[in-house]
Amino acid sequence: MSLVADLRTARRRFSVEFSPAHDEATAARQWRAVERLAPLGPLFASVTYGAGGGDRDGTVELAGRLARETPLRPVAHLTAVGQPAVALGRVVDDLLARGVRDVLALRGDPDGDPRAPWTPHPEGFQHADQLVRLALEHGVDSAGVAAFPLGHHESPDLETDLRHLLGKVRAGAGWAVAQLTYDVEDFLRLRDRLVAAGCDVPLVPGLLPVTSPRVLEVTRRLTDGHEPSWLHRRLAPLLDDRGAFREEGVRVAVEDGRRLLAEGVEVLHLYSLNAASNVETLVRELGLAAPSAPAPTSQGTAEEGSCRTPVVP
């Protein structure tokens, strides 16, 4: 069955995200995480591309290894930053040759500063909808896109941002992953806007437990500093207690996951930071494993993972 069909029919399931490793130790830990999470039956495993497209080769290699050596369905991120259309087509062809049939098409951020002015490659693409068309023309089974509950930072308002998302769907995008947000309400309102516009593509929320001050800083950057006061009240007193901070961060993510499930969301996208323990905890607490999967068990809480940026525009 296709990824889009799986997303439409899924009931209480999850997907997971990895990033290309930059050293042998991280790569070894990452693959241990893959081996622990694969039996839980995620609907797909996405592989990030990195700001500026800097992880392109690592993305192709890791996604291909997932396709070759595991039962997981890999989804490779693909961004338009700094590349001509011809080169992007070759990347898609390489992915297909390695057994990777699905991509997440993202315009991408400028390397070094995600908020720097966007300048397309003179022979490349200006918008993600063009990347969606290219990937489909080259033969991928599906192209997903990013959605922004708070609106993309370049959009003047949420209505304009919604029009951009609908444009990506009209270009052929079959599903979307929502950017991180602290508040479940932000995601639910985005879902409402899509429904009101007559768009029924599967929309998957991203969920990342804020398990350390370092992870908190990443999520602040991704949400343009939209940190609600209630989260600050819960985490600020624990800054000097690593264990308590992590427990509270996981507790918040579990609460958010339960609310999303109660609101009819059937698939949650879990950011692994190349480690397994937090994902296993969420899958266990929220009941997200595939029906035939063994029950996830806790194997300690020491690993934190490399703090790579999850989904980017």
C-alpha atoms as a PDB file:
ATOM      1  CA  MET A   1       0.000   0.000   0.000  1.00  0.00           C
ATOM      2  CA  SER A   2       1.214   3.534  -0.712  1.00  0.00           C
ATOM      3  CA  LEU A   3       2.362   5.889   2.023  1.00  0.00           C
ATOM      4  CA  VAL A   4      -0.588   8.206   1.388  1.00  0.00           C
ATOM      5  CA  ALA A   5      -3.007   5.294   1.710  1.00  0.00           C
ATOM      6  CA  ASP A   6      -1.306   4.151   4.908  1.00  0.00           C
ATOM      7  CA  LEU A   7      -1.560   7.642   6.376  1.00  0.00           C
ATOM      8  CA  ARG A   8      -5.251   7.816   5.512  1.00  0.00           C
ATOM      9  CA  THR A   9      -6.112   4.461   7.082  1.00  0.00           C
ATOM     10  CA  ALA A  10      -3.716   4.465  10.050  1.00  0.00           C
ATOM     11  CA  ARG A  11      -5.082   4.240  13.558  1.00  0.00           C
ATOM     12  CA  ARG A  12      -2.831   5.313  16.453  1.00  0.00           C
ATOM     13  CA  ARG A  13       0.502   5.007  14.723  1.00  0.00           C
ATOM     14  CA  PHE A  14       3.732   7.001  14.498  1.00  0.00           C
ATOM     15  CA  SER A  15       6.521   7.984  12.149  1.00  0.00           C
ATOM     16  CA  VAL A  16      10.086   8.802  13.148  1.00  0.00           C
ATOM     17  CA  GLU A  17      12.855  11.120  11.969  1.00  0.00           C
ATOM     18  CA  PHE A  18      16.628  10.643  11.785  1.00  0.00           C
ATOM     19  CA  SER A  19      19.463  12.913  10.648  1.00  0.00           C
ATOM     20  CA  PRO A  20      22.674  11.908   8.825  1.00  0.00           C
ATOM     21  CA  ALA A  21      25.452  11.217  11.332  1.00  0.00           C
ATOM     22  CA  HIS A  22      28.662  13.225  11.143  1.00  0.00           C
ATOM     23  CA  ASP A  23      30.987  10.877  13.036  1.00  0.00           C
ATOM     24  CA  GLU A  24      31.354   7.152  13.701  1.00  0.00           C
ATOM     25  CA  ALA A  25      30.110   7.288  17.288  1.00  0.00           C
ATOM     26  CA  THR A  26      26.902   9.094  16.314  1.00  0.00           C
ATOM     27  CA  ALA A  27      26.405   6.747  13.356  1.00  0.00           C
ATOM     28  CA  ALA A  28      26.722   3.696  15.622  1.00  0.00           C
ATOM     29  CA  ARG A  29      24.262   5.115  18.156  1.00  0.00           C
ATOM     30  CA  GLN A  30      21.920   6.091  15.362  1.00  0.00           C
ATOM     31  CA  TRP A  31      21.859   2.604  13.902  1.00  0.00           C
ATOM     32  CA  ARG A  32      21.212   1.115  17.346  1.00  0.00           C
ATOM     33  CA  ALA A  33      18.219   3.446  17.527  1.00  0.00           C
ATOM     34  CA  VAL A  34      17.063   2.271  14.097  1.00  0.00           C
ATOM     35  CA  GLU A  35      17.298  -1.368  15.212  1.00  0.00           C
ATOM     36  CA  ARG A  36      15.316  -0.650  18.380  1.00  0.00           C
ATOM     37  CA  LEU A  37      12.587   1.397  16.705  1.00  0.00           C
ATOM     38  CA  ALA A  38      12.061  -0.588  13.499  1.00  0.00           C
ATOM     39  CA  PRO A  39      10.241  -3.472  15.276  1.00  0.00           C
ATOM     40  CA  LEU A  40       7.679  -0.979  16.623  1.00  0.00           C
ATOM     41  CA  GLY A  41       6.399  -0.474  13.072  1.00  0.00           C
ATOM     42  CA  PRO A  42       6.630   3.249  12.270  1.00  0.00           C
ATOM     43  CA  LEU A  43       4.696   4.174   9.134  1.00  0.00           C
ATOM     44  CA  PHE A  44       7.824   5.812   7.741  1.00  0.00           C
ATOM     45  CA  ALA A  45      11.283   6.987   8.748  1.00  0.00           C
ATOM     46  CA  SER A  46      12.264  10.388   7.413  1.00  0.00           C
ATOM     47  CA  VAL A  47      15.885  11.441   6.910  1.00  0.00           C
ATOM     48  CA  THR A  48      16.732  15.142   7.132  1.00  0.00           C
ATOM     49  CA  TYR A  49      18.706  17.104   4.538  1.00  0.00           C
ATOM     50  CA  GLY A  50      20.334  19.769   6.700  1.00  0.00           C
ATOM     51  CA  ALA A  51      20.369  23.556   6.379  1.00  0.00           C
ATOM     52  CA  GLY A  52      21.671  24.606   3.005  1.00  0.00           C
ATOM     53  CA  GLY A  53      21.416  21.041   1.708  1.00  0.00           C
ATOM     54  CA  GLY A  54      24.702  20.251   3.446  1.00  0.00           C
ATOM     55  CA  ASP A  55      23.744  16.691   4.384  1.00  0.00           C
ATOM     56  CA  ARG A  56      22.609  15.725   0.891  1.00  0.00           C
ATOM     57  CA  ASP A  57      25.005  12.803   0.408  1.00  0.00           C
ATOM     58  CA  GLY A  58      24.410  11.566   3.935  1.00  0.00           C
ATOM     59  CA  THR A  59      20.665  11.743   3.384  1.00  0.00           C
ATOM     60  CA  VAL A  60      20.841   9.627   0.242  1.00  0.00           C
ATOM     61  CA  GLU A  61      23.166   7.128   1.905  1.00  0.00           C
ATOM     62  CA  LEU A  62      21.138   6.728   5.111  1.00  0.00           C
ATOM     63  CA  ALA A  63      17.773   6.594   3.348  1.00  0.00           C
ATOM     64  CA  GLY A  64      19.171   3.986   0.958  1.00  0.00           C
ATOM     65  CA  ARG A  65      20.522   1.917   3.849  1.00  0.00           C
ATOM     66  CA  LEU A  66      17.140   2.005   5.563  1.00  0.00           C
ATOM     67  CA  ALA A  67      15.515   0.758   2.363  1.00  0.00           C
ATOM     68  CA  ARG A  68      18.153  -1.920   1.874  1.00  0.00           C
ATOM     69  CA  GLU A  69      18.667  -3.266   5.388  1.00  0.00           C
ATOM     70  CA  THR A  70      15.447  -2.672   7.320  1.00  0.00           C
ATOM     71  CA  PRO A  71      11.678  -3.098   6.879  1.00  0.00           C
ATOM     72  CA  LEU A  72      11.232   0.657   7.313  1.00  0.00           C
ATOM     73  CA  ARG A  73       9.813   2.891   4.584  1.00  0.00           C
ATOM     74  CA  PRO A  74      12.376   5.703   4.206  1.00  0.00           C
ATOM     75  CA  VAL A  75      11.294   9.214   3.296  1.00  0.00           C
ATOM     76  CA  ALA A  76      14.194  11.404   2.178  1.00  0.00           C
ATOM     77  CA  HIS A  77      14.112  15.141   2.716  1.00  0.00           C
ATOM     78  CA  LEU A  78      14.817  17.075  -0.469  1.00  0.00           C
ATOM     79  CA  THR A  79      15.516  20.814  -0.508  1.00  0.00           C
ATOM     80  CA  ALA A  80      16.095  23.356  -3.252  1.00  0.00           C
ATOM     81  CA  VAL A  81      18.825  25.348  -1.480  1.00  0.00           C
ATOM     82  CA  GLY A  82      21.844  26.158  -3.645  1.00  0.00           C
ATOM     83  CA  GLN A  83      21.175  23.577  -6.349  1.00  0.00           C
ATOM     84  CA  PRO A  84      20.084  23.728  -9.988  1.00  0.00           C
ATOM     85  CA  ALA A  85      17.045  21.765 -11.037  1.00  0.00           C
ATOM     86  CA  VAL A  86      19.186  19.302 -13.000  1.00  0.00           C
ATOM     87  CA  ALA A  87      21.174  18.382  -9.900  1.00  0.00           C
ATOM     88  CA  LEU A  88      18.000  17.965  -7.861  1.00  0.00           C
ATOM     89  CA  GLY A  89      16.662  15.597 -10.491  1.00  0.00           C
ATOM     90  CA  ARG A  90      19.827  13.523 -10.192  1.00  0.00           C
ATOM     91  CA  VAL A  91      19.354  13.333  -6.414  1.00  0.00           C
ATOM     92  CA  VAL A  92      15.824  12.009  -6.913  1.00  0.00           C
ATOM     93  CA  ASP A  93      17.063   9.473  -9.456  1.00  0.00           C
ATOM     94  CA  ASP A  94      19.765   8.326  -7.026  1.00  0.00           C
ATOM     95  CA  LEU A  95      17.191   7.891  -4.262  1.00  0.00           C
ATOM     96  CA  LEU A  96      14.924   5.858  -6.537  1.00  0.00           C
ATOM     97  CA  ALA A  97      17.840   3.653  -7.580  1.00  0.00           C
ATOM     98  CA  ARG A  98      18.461   2.914  -3.895  1.00  0.00           C
ATOM     99  CA  GLY A  99      14.858   1.924  -3.248  1.00  0.00           C
ATOM    100  CA  VAL A 100      13.668   5.198  -1.712  1.00  0.00           C
ATOM    101  CA  ARG A 101      10.235   5.878  -3.171  1.00  0.00           C
ATOM    102  CA  ASP A 102       8.964   8.829  -1.098  1.00  0.00           C
ATOM    103  CA  VAL A 103      10.357  12.306  -0.405  1.00  0.00           C
ATOM    104  CA  LEU A 104       9.582  15.298   1.775  1.00  0.00           C
ATOM    105  CA  ALA A 105       9.939  18.293  -0.559  1.00  0.00           C
ATOM    106  CA  LEU A 106      11.096  21.413   1.286  1.00  0.00           C
ATOM    107  CA  ARG A 107      12.239  24.733  -0.084  1.00  0.00           C
ATOM    108  CA  GLY A 108      14.909  24.788   2.641  1.00  0.00           C
ATOM    109  CA  ASP A 109      16.740  27.464   4.604  1.00  0.00           C
ATOM    110  CA  PRO A 110      19.895  29.394   3.708  1.00  0.00           C
ATOM    111  CA  ASP A 111      22.979  27.754   5.154  1.00  0.00           C
ATOM    112  CA  GLY A 112      24.139  29.275   8.443  1.00  0.00           C
ATOM    113  CA  ASP A 113      21.117  31.516   9.103  1.00  0.00           C
ATOM    114  CA  PRO A 114      17.577  30.167   8.664  1.00  0.00           C
ATOM    115  CA  ARG A 115      16.208  33.719   8.783  1.00  0.00           C
ATOM    116  CA  ALA A 116      18.530  35.129   6.108  1.00  0.00           C
ATOM    117  CA  PRO A 117      16.874  36.374   2.904  1.00  0.00           C
ATOM    118  CA  TRP A 118      16.059  33.548   0.535  1.00  0.00           C
ATOM    119  CA  THR A 119      17.958  33.577  -2.740  1.00  0.00           C
ATOM    120  CA  PRO A 120      17.192  30.743  -5.158  1.00  0.00           C
ATOM    121  CA  HIS A 121      19.842  29.174  -7.348  1.00  0.00           C
ATOM    122  CA  PRO A 122      19.718  30.915 -10.753  1.00  0.00           C
ATOM    123  CA  GLU A 123      18.917  27.570 -12.377  1.00  0.00           C
ATOM    124  CA  GLY A 124      16.969  26.200  -9.435  1.00  0.00           C
ATOM    125  CA  PHE A 125      13.595  26.615  -7.776  1.00  0.00           C
ATOM    126  CA  GLN A 126      11.932  29.458  -5.909  1.00  0.00           C
ATOM    127  CA  HIS A 127       9.226  27.446  -4.132  1.00  0.00           C
ATOM    128  CA  ALA A 128       8.592  23.946  -2.780  1.00  0.00           C
ATOM    129  CA  ASP A 129       5.716  23.318  -5.203  1.00  0.00           C
ATOM    130  CA  GLN A 130       8.252  23.246  -8.031  1.00  0.00           C
ATOM    131  CA  LEU A 131      10.237  20.630  -6.140  1.00  0.00           C
ATOM    132  CA  VAL A 132       7.082  18.553  -5.653  1.00  0.00           C
ATOM    133  CA  ARG A 133       6.461  18.562  -9.411  1.00  0.00           C
ATOM    134  CA  LEU A 134      10.057  17.603 -10.186  1.00  0.00           C
ATOM    135  CA  ALA A 135      10.027  14.670  -7.738  1.00  0.00           C
ATOM    136  CA  LEU A 136       6.747  13.337  -9.121  1.00  0.00           C
ATOM    137  CA  GLU A 137       7.947  13.744 -12.708  1.00  0.00           C
ATOM    138  CA  HIS A 138      10.994  11.634 -11.850  1.00  0.00           C
ATOM    139  CA  GLY A 139       8.773   8.861 -10.516  1.00  0.00           C
ATOM    140  CA  VAL A 140       8.536   9.014  -6.726  1.00  0.00           C
ATOM    141  CA  ASP A 141       5.483   7.376  -5.216  1.00  0.00           C
ATOM    142  CA  SER A 142       4.652  10.377  -3.069  1.00  0.00           C
ATOM    143  CA  ALA A 143       5.894  13.823  -2.138  1.00  0.00           C
ATOM    144  CA  GLY A 144       5.115  15.288   1.251  1.00  0.00           C
ATOM    145  CA  VAL A 145       5.561  18.926   2.240  1.00  0.00           C
ATOM    146  CA  ALA A 146       5.956  21.051   5.365  1.00  0.00           C
ATOM    147  CA  ALA A 147       3.037  22.897   6.948  1.00  0.00           C
ATOM    148  CA  PHE A 148       3.361  25.706   9.484  1.00  0.00           C
ATOM    149  CA  PRO A 149       0.859  26.007  12.350  1.00  0.00           C
ATOM    150  CA  LEU A 150       2.272  29.419  13.273  1.00  0.00           C
ATOM    151  CA  GLY A 151       2.799  30.420   9.656  1.00  0.00           C
ATOM    152  CA  HIS A 152       6.123  30.490   7.815  1.00  0.00           C
ATOM    153  CA  HIS A 153       8.269  33.414   8.951  1.00  0.00           C
ATOM    154  CA  GLU A 154       8.142  34.908   5.436  1.00  0.00           C
ATOM    155  CA  SER A 155       4.341  34.812   5.217  1.00  0.00           C
ATOM    156  CA  PRO A 156       2.655  38.085   6.203  1.00  0.00           C
ATOM    157  CA  ASP A 157      -0.352  36.288   7.715  1.00  0.00           C
ATOM    158  CA  LEU A 158      -1.875  32.841   8.203  1.00  0.00           C
ATOM    159  CA  GLU A 159      -4.202  33.217   5.214  1.00  0.00           C
ATOM    160  CA  THR A 160      -1.256  33.786   2.881  1.00  0.00           C
ATOM    161  CA  ASP A 161       0.573  30.867   4.442  1.00  0.00           C
ATOM    162  CA  LEU A 162      -2.440  28.623   3.868  1.00  0.00           C
ATOM    163  CA  ARG A 163      -2.540  29.610   0.179  1.00  0.00           C
ATOM    164  CA  HIS A 164       1.093  28.556  -0.163  1.00  0.00           C
ATOM    165  CA  LEU A 165       0.314  25.188   1.438  1.00  0.00           C
ATOM    166  CA  LEU A 166      -2.674  24.662  -0.857  1.00  0.00           C
ATOM    167  CA  GLY A 167      -0.442  25.497  -3.814  1.00  0.00           C
ATOM    168  CA  LYS A 168       1.910  22.692  -2.822  1.00  0.00           C
ATOM    169  CA  VAL A 169      -1.041  20.305  -2.614  1.00  0.00           C
ATOM    170  CA  ARG A 170      -2.274  21.388  -6.066  1.00  0.00           C
ATOM    171  CA  ALA A 171       1.231  20.659  -7.368  1.00  0.00           C
ATOM    172  CA  GLY A 172       0.778  17.048  -6.266  1.00  0.00           C
ATOM    173  CA  ALA A 173       1.800  16.847  -2.608  1.00  0.00           C
ATOM    174  CA  GLY A 174      -0.072  13.956  -1.033  1.00  0.00           C
ATOM    175  CA  TRP A 175       0.583  14.633   2.658  1.00  0.00           C
ATOM    176  CA  ALA A 176       2.153  17.159   5.009  1.00  0.00           C
ATOM    177  CA  VAL A 177       4.146  17.245   8.234  1.00  0.00           C
ATOM    178  CA  ALA A 178       3.448  20.188  10.530  1.00  0.00           C
ATOM    179  CA  GLN A 179       6.359  22.146  11.928  1.00  0.00           C
ATOM    180  CA  LEU A 180       6.952  21.979  15.655  1.00  0.00           C
ATOM    181  CA  THR A 181       4.806  24.059  17.971  1.00  0.00           C
ATOM    182  CA  TYR A 182       4.494  24.109  21.734  1.00  0.00           C
ATOM    183  CA  ASP A 183       0.701  24.304  21.737  1.00  0.00           C
ATOM    184  CA  VAL A 184      -1.596  21.589  20.415  1.00  0.00           C
ATOM    185  CA  GLU A 185      -4.142  24.317  19.638  1.00  0.00           C
ATOM    186  CA  ASP A 186      -1.808  25.754  16.986  1.00  0.00           C
ATOM    187  CA  PHE A 187      -1.878  22.449  15.093  1.00  0.00           C
ATOM    188  CA  LEU A 188      -5.621  21.990  15.502  1.00  0.00           C
ATOM    189  CA  ARG A 189      -6.333  25.457  14.110  1.00  0.00           C
ATOM    190  CA  LEU A 190      -4.130  24.686  11.085  1.00  0.00           C
ATOM    191  CA  ARG A 191      -6.119  21.493  10.562  1.00  0.00           C
ATOM    192  CA  ASP A 192      -9.331  23.528  10.782  1.00  0.00           C
ATOM    193  CA  ARG A 193      -8.061  25.969   8.143  1.00  0.00           C
ATOM    194  CA  LEU A 194      -7.250  23.102   5.786  1.00  0.00           C
ATOM    195  CA  VAL A 195     -10.655  21.496   6.277  1.00  0.00           C
ATOM    196  CA  ALA A 196     -12.403  24.824   5.705  1.00  0.00           C
ATOM    197  CA  ALA A 197     -10.464  25.150   2.439  1.00  0.00           C
ATOM    198  CA  GLY A 198     -11.722  21.731   1.317  1.00  0.00           C
ATOM    199  CA  CYS A 199      -8.297  20.080   1.601  1.00  0.00           C
ATOM    200  CA  ASP A 200      -8.173  16.586   3.066  1.00  0.00           C
ATOM    201  CA  VAL A 201      -4.510  15.616   2.657  1.00  0.00           C
ATOM    202  CA  PRO A 202      -3.139  13.769   5.708  1.00  0.00           C
ATOM    203  CA  LEU A 203      -1.575  16.285   8.106  1.00  0.00           C
ATOM    204  CA  VAL A 204       0.868  14.871  10.648  1.00  0.00           C
ATOM    205  CA  PRO A 205       1.964  16.860  13.722  1.00  0.00           C
ATOM    206  CA  GLY A 206       5.579  16.794  14.842  1.00  0.00           C
ATOM    207  CA  LEU A 207       6.307  15.949  18.478  1.00  0.00           C
ATOM    208  CA  LEU A 208       9.672  16.509  20.169  1.00  0.00           C
ATOM    209  CA  PRO A 209      10.079  16.071  23.949  1.00  0.00           C
ATOM    210  CA  VAL A 210      11.939  19.054  25.407  1.00  0.00           C
ATOM    211  CA  THR A 211      14.350  16.891  27.397  1.00  0.00           C
ATOM    212  CA  SER A 212      17.204  19.342  27.999  1.00  0.00           C
ATOM    213  CA  PRO A 213      17.935  23.075  27.823  1.00  0.00           C
ATOM    214  CA  ARG A 214      19.761  22.395  24.560  1.00  0.00           C
ATOM    215  CA  VAL A 215      16.660  20.849  22.991  1.00  0.00           C
ATOM    216  CA  LEU A 216      14.584  23.727  24.367  1.00  0.00           C
ATOM    217  CA  GLU A 217      16.837  26.181  22.550  1.00  0.00           C
ATOM    218  CA  VAL A 218      16.349  24.288  19.272  1.00  0.00           C
ATOM    219  CA  THR A 219      12.573  24.404  19.631  1.00  0.00           C
ATOM    220  CA  ARG A 220      12.730  28.117  20.447  1.00  0.00           C
ATOM    221  CA  ARG A 221      14.531  28.733  17.166  1.00  0.00           C
ATOM    222  CA  LEU A 222      12.047  26.627  15.231  1.00  0.00           C
ATOM    223  CA  THR A 223       9.081  28.491  16.700  1.00  0.00           C
ATOM    224  CA  ASP A 224      10.607  31.998  16.464  1.00  0.00           C
ATOM    225  CA  GLY A 225      10.655  32.232  20.241  1.00  0.00           C
ATOM    226  CA  HIS A 226       6.951  31.456  20.717  1.00  0.00           C
ATOM    227  CA  GLU A 227       7.450  29.794  24.091  1.00  0.00           C
ATOM    228  CA  PRO A 228       4.228  29.899  26.125  1.00  0.00           C
ATOM    229  CA  SER A 229       4.359  31.015  29.736  1.00  0.00           C
ATOM    230  CA  TRP A 230       2.960  27.710  31.009  1.00  0.00           C
ATOM    231  CA  LEU A 231       5.912  25.801  29.551  1.00  0.00           C
ATOM    232  CA  HIS A 232       8.373  28.241  31.085  1.00  0.00           C
ATOM    233  CA  ARG A 233       6.720  27.799  34.485  1.00  0.00           C
ATOM    234  CA  ARG A 234       7.071  24.028  34.243  1.00  0.00           C
ATOM    235  CA  LEU A 235      10.653  23.831  32.991  1.00  0.00           C
ATOM    236  CA  ALA A 236      12.472  26.886  34.347  1.00  0.00           C
ATOM    237  CA  PRO A 237      12.660  25.614  37.968  1.00  0.00           C
ATOM    238  CA  LEU A 238      14.338  22.412  36.703  1.00  0.00           C
ATOM    239  CA  LEU A 239      17.205  23.908  34.698  1.00  0.00           C
ATOM    240  CA  ASP A 240      19.791  22.693  37.218  1.00  0.00           C
ATOM    241  CA  ASP A 241      18.359  19.180  37.538  1.00  0.00           C
ATOM    242  CA  ARG A 242      18.956  17.301  34.289  1.00  0.00           C
ATOM    243  CA  GLY A 243      16.945  14.232  35.253  1.00  0.00           C
ATOM    244  CA  ALA A 244      13.933  16.181  36.487  1.00  0.00           C
ATOM    245  CA  PHE A 245      14.048  18.455  33.425  1.00  0.00           C
ATOM    246  CA  ARG A 246      14.001  15.448  31.116  1.00  0.00           C
ATOM    247  CA  GLU A 247      11.133  13.777  32.976  1.00  0.00           C
ATOM    248  CA  GLU A 248       9.036  16.923  32.827  1.00  0.00           C
ATOM    249  CA  GLY A 249       9.827  17.435  29.131  1.00  0.00           C
ATOM    250  CA  VAL A 250       8.718  13.896  28.335  1.00  0.00           C
ATOM    251  CA  ARG A 251       5.606  14.370  30.487  1.00  0.00           C
ATOM    252  CA  VAL A 252       4.649  17.460  28.492  1.00  0.00           C
ATOM    253  CA  ALA A 253       5.106  15.563  25.199  1.00  0.00           C
ATOM    254  CA  VAL A 254       2.957  12.684  26.442  1.00  0.00           C
ATOM    255  CA  GLU A 255       0.227  15.135  27.473  1.00  0.00           C
ATOM    256  CA  ASP A 256       0.372  16.779  24.040  1.00  0.00           C
ATOM    257  CA  GLY A 257       0.264  13.390  22.337  1.00  0.00           C
ATOM    258  CA  ARG A 258      -2.795  12.326  24.309  1.00  0.00           C
ATOM    259  CA  ARG A 259      -4.574  15.558  23.440  1.00  0.00           C
ATOM    260  CA  LEU A 260      -3.790  15.144  19.748  1.00  0.00           C
ATOM    261  CA  LEU A 261      -5.055  11.569  19.760  1.00  0.00           C
ATOM    262  CA  ALA A 262      -8.203  12.629  21.603  1.00  0.00           C
ATOM    263  CA  GLU A 263      -8.784  15.226  18.866  1.00  0.00           C
ATOM    264  CA  GLY A 264      -8.766  12.537  16.189  1.00  0.00           C
ATOM    265  CA  VAL A 265      -5.140  12.760  15.066  1.00  0.00           C
ATOM    266  CA  GLU A 266      -4.060   9.225  14.164  1.00  0.00           C
ATOM    267  CA  VAL A 267      -0.348   9.600  13.295  1.00  0.00           C
ATOM    268  CA  LEU A 268       2.324  11.462  15.291  1.00  0.00           C
ATOM    269  CA  HIS A 269       5.729  12.292  13.809  1.00  0.00           C
ATOM    270  CA  LEU A 270       8.379  11.739  16.505  1.00  0.00           C
ATOM    271  CA  TYR A 271      11.799  13.377  16.293  1.00  0.00           C
ATOM    272  CA  SER A 272      14.416  10.909  17.508  1.00  0.00           C
ATOM    273  CA  LEU A 273      17.518  13.143  17.594  1.00  0.00           C
ATOM    274  CA  ASN A 274      19.216   9.900  16.499  1.00  0.00           C
ATOM    275  CA  ALA A 275      18.402   8.121  19.761  1.00  0.00           C
ATOM    276  CA  ALA A 276      15.689   5.645  20.680  1.00  0.00           C
ATOM    277  CA  SER A 277      14.701   6.093  24.324  1.00  0.00           C
ATOM    278  CA  ASN A 278      12.408   9.135  24.069  1.00  0.00           C
ATOM    279  CA  VAL A 279      10.630   7.712  21.027  1.00  0.00           C
ATOM    280  CA  GLU A 280      10.174   4.376  22.805  1.00  0.00           C
ATOM    281  CA  THR A 281       8.700   6.165  25.809  1.00  0.00           C
ATOM    282  CA  LEU A 282       6.194   8.082  23.676  1.00  0.00           C
ATOM    283  CA  VAL A 283       5.239   4.990  21.695  1.00  0.00           C
ATOM    284  CA  ARG A 284       4.710   3.031  24.905  1.00  0.00           C
ATOM    285  CA  GLU A 285       2.792   5.747  26.771  1.00  0.00           C
ATOM    286  CA  LEU A 286       0.590   6.660  23.794  1.00  0.00           C
ATOM    287  CA  GLY A 287       0.057   3.157  22.384  1.00  0.00           C
ATOM    288  CA  LEU A 288       1.471   3.979  18.940  1.00  0.00           C
ATOM    289  CA  ALA A 289       3.165   0.698  18.018  1.00  0.00           C
ATOM    290  CA  ALA A 290       1.914  -1.372  15.093  1.00  0.00           C
ATOM    291  CA  PRO A 291      -0.607  -4.021  16.203  1.00  0.00           C
ATOM    292  CA  SER A 292       1.883  -6.842  15.580  1.00  0.00           C
ATOM    293  CA  ALA A 293       4.843  -5.048  17.201  1.00  0.00           C
ATOM    294  CA  PRO A 294       6.353  -6.107  20.529  1.00  0.00           C
ATOM    295  CA  ALA A 295       5.641  -3.770  23.410  1.00  0.00           C
ATOM    296  CA  PRO A 296       8.393  -1.139  23.686  1.00  0.00           C
ATOM    297  CA  THR A 297      10.407  -1.332  26.881  1.00  0.00           C
ATOM    298  CA  SER A 298      12.530   1.298  28.589  1.00  0.00           C
ATOM    299  CA  GLN A 299      16.274   0.769  28.135  1.00  0.00           C
ATOM    300  CA  GLY A 300      17.516   3.696  30.227  1.00  0.00           C
ATOM    301  CA  THR A 301      17.371   7.448  29.820  1.00  0.00           C
ATOM    302  CA  ALA A 302      20.999   8.483  29.471  1.00  0.00           C
ATOM    303  CA  GLU A 303      21.061   8.921  25.711  1.00  0.00           C
ATOM    304  CA  GLU A 304      19.965  12.297  24.456  1.00  0.00           C
ATOM    305  CA  GLY A 305      20.879  12.259  20.782  1.00  0.00           C
ATOM    306  CA  SER A 306      22.501  14.812  18.563  1.00  0.00           C
ATOM    307  CA  CYS A 307      20.404  17.955  18.490  1.00  0.00           C
ATOM    308  CA  ARG A 308      19.924  18.397  14.750  1.00  0.00           C
ATOM    309  CA  THR A 309      17.196  20.644  13.438  1.00  0.00           C
ATOM    310  CA  PRO A 310      14.034  18.693  12.509  1.00  0.00           C
ATOM    311  CA  VAL A 311      11.724  19.657   9.639  1.00  0.00           C
ATOM    312  CA  VAL A 312      12.665  22.948   7.957  1.00  0.00           C
ATOM    313  CA  PRO A 313      10.644  25.024   5.469  1.00  0.00           C
END
